[in-house]
Amino acid sequence: MTLARHARGERFADLIVRGMLTELEWSIDAEEVWAQRTIGDEMERAARQLRAEGLQKCPTCRAFLSTEADWAHWRSLREAAIRKAQAREAAVPA
């Protein structure tokens, strides 16, 4: 926050503050991207196993199980988010 106060007096204050907020938002989102990579895989495996047993609904919650189309769609979303995260991390100098 101290940096944000100082940035307001700078020539490109809006740009500086927006950049700081974007980076903060990204750091929060990045953790979620990596977590969902493994969570999604586990959920897909469990649903596939139940489907392989011939079930259409979860025996615990009675919700309909996801389908092959759902898994493909979710996987593509996760992979796109991971590629975006990797590109963003690669763009930041070490």
Protein backbone atom coordinates (compact mmCIF):
# COMPACT_ATOMS: atom_id res chain seq x y z
CA MET A 1 0.00 0.00 0.00
CA THR A 2 2.90 2.34 0.66
CA LEU A 3 4.06 1.76 -2.90
CA ALA A 4 0.58 2.57 -4.17
CA ARG A 5 0.60 5.91 -2.30
CA HIS A 6 3.99 6.80 -3.77
CA ALA A 7 2.90 5.72 -7.23
CA ARG A 8 -0.01 8.16 -7.23
CA GLY A 9 2.44 11.05 -7.43
CA GLU A 10 4.27 9.58 -10.41
CA ARG A 11 3.71 10.49 -14.04
CA PHE A 12 2.29 7.06 -14.89
CA ALA A 13 0.51 6.57 -11.58
CA ASP A 14 -2.58 4.84 -12.97
CA LEU A 15 -0.48 2.44 -14.99
CA ILE A 16 1.74 1.63 -12.01
CA VAL A 17 -1.18 1.00 -9.64
CA ARG A 18 -3.05 -1.11 -12.23
CA GLY A 19 0.11 -3.15 -12.79
CA MET A 20 0.49 -3.76 -9.07
CA LEU A 21 -3.14 -4.81 -8.69
CA THR A 22 -2.91 -7.09 -11.73
CA GLU A 23 0.17 -8.78 -10.31
CA LEU A 24 -1.54 -9.26 -6.95
CA GLU A 25 -4.59 -10.76 -8.63
CA TRP A 26 -2.34 -13.03 -10.69
CA SER A 27 -0.44 -14.29 -7.64
CA ILE A 28 -3.74 -15.30 -6.03
CA ASP A 29 -5.08 -16.93 -9.22
CA ALA A 30 -1.83 -18.80 -9.95
CA GLU A 31 -2.15 -20.92 -6.81
CA GLU A 32 -5.67 -21.91 -7.86
CA VAL A 33 -4.49 -22.87 -11.37
CA TRP A 34 -1.88 -25.29 -10.01
CA ALA A 35 -4.31 -26.73 -7.44
CA GLN A 36 -7.03 -27.35 -10.02
CA ARG A 37 -4.59 -29.24 -12.19
CA THR A 38 -4.47 -32.07 -9.68
CA ILE A 39 -8.00 -31.71 -8.27
CA GLY A 40 -9.52 -31.99 -11.74
CA ASP A 41 -7.48 -35.08 -12.50
CA GLU A 42 -8.62 -36.76 -9.27
CA MET A 43 -12.27 -35.93 -9.89
CA GLU A 44 -12.08 -37.22 -13.44
CA ARG A 45 -10.48 -40.48 -12.32
CA ALA A 46 -13.15 -41.02 -9.66
CA ALA A 47 -16.00 -40.27 -12.08
CA ARG A 48 -14.47 -42.55 -14.71
CA GLN A 49 -14.19 -45.36 -12.18
CA LEU A 50 -17.85 -45.00 -11.18
CA ARG A 51 -18.88 -44.88 -14.85
CA ALA A 52 -16.83 -48.03 -15.50
CA GLU A 53 -18.86 -49.71 -12.76
CA GLY A 54 -21.98 -48.88 -14.78
CA LEU A 55 -23.21 -46.05 -12.59
CA GLN A 56 -24.75 -42.85 -13.95
CA LYS A 57 -25.13 -41.14 -10.57
CA CYS A 58 -22.78 -40.75 -7.65
CA PRO A 59 -23.75 -43.30 -4.99
CA THR A 60 -23.03 -40.77 -2.24
CA CYS A 61 -24.71 -37.55 -3.42
CA ARG A 62 -26.91 -38.92 -6.23
CA ALA A 63 -25.68 -36.24 -8.67
CA PHE A 64 -25.28 -37.27 -12.30
CA LEU A 65 -21.71 -38.20 -13.12
CA SER A 66 -19.78 -36.13 -15.62
CA THR A 67 -19.33 -37.46 -19.14
CA GLU A 68 -16.44 -37.85 -21.57
CA ALA A 69 -17.44 -34.51 -23.15
CA ASP A 70 -17.35 -32.81 -19.73
CA TRP A 71 -13.91 -34.22 -18.99
CA ALA A 72 -12.52 -33.13 -22.34
CA HIS A 73 -13.91 -29.62 -21.89
CA TRP A 74 -12.64 -29.25 -18.32
CA ARG A 75 -9.25 -30.67 -19.27
CA SER A 76 -8.91 -28.15 -22.11
CA LEU A 77 -9.77 -25.31 -19.71
CA ARG A 78 -7.19 -26.52 -17.18
CA GLU A 79 -4.53 -26.94 -19.84
CA ALA A 80 -5.20 -23.45 -21.22
CA ALA A 81 -4.94 -21.97 -17.73
CA ILE A 82 -1.69 -23.86 -17.12
CA ARG A 83 -0.20 -22.65 -20.43
CA LYS A 84 -1.18 -19.09 -19.51
CA ALA A 85 0.39 -19.48 -16.05
CA GLN A 86 3.60 -20.90 -17.50
CA ALA A 87 3.84 -18.10 -20.08
CA ARG A 88 3.29 -15.50 -17.40
CA GLU A 89 5.94 -17.00 -15.14
CA ALA A 90 8.41 -17.24 -18.04
CA ALA A 91 7.86 -13.54 -18.82
CA VAL A 92 8.99 -12.45 -15.35
CA PRO A 93 12.76 -12.06 -15.08
CA ALA A 94 14.34 -14.24 -12.41
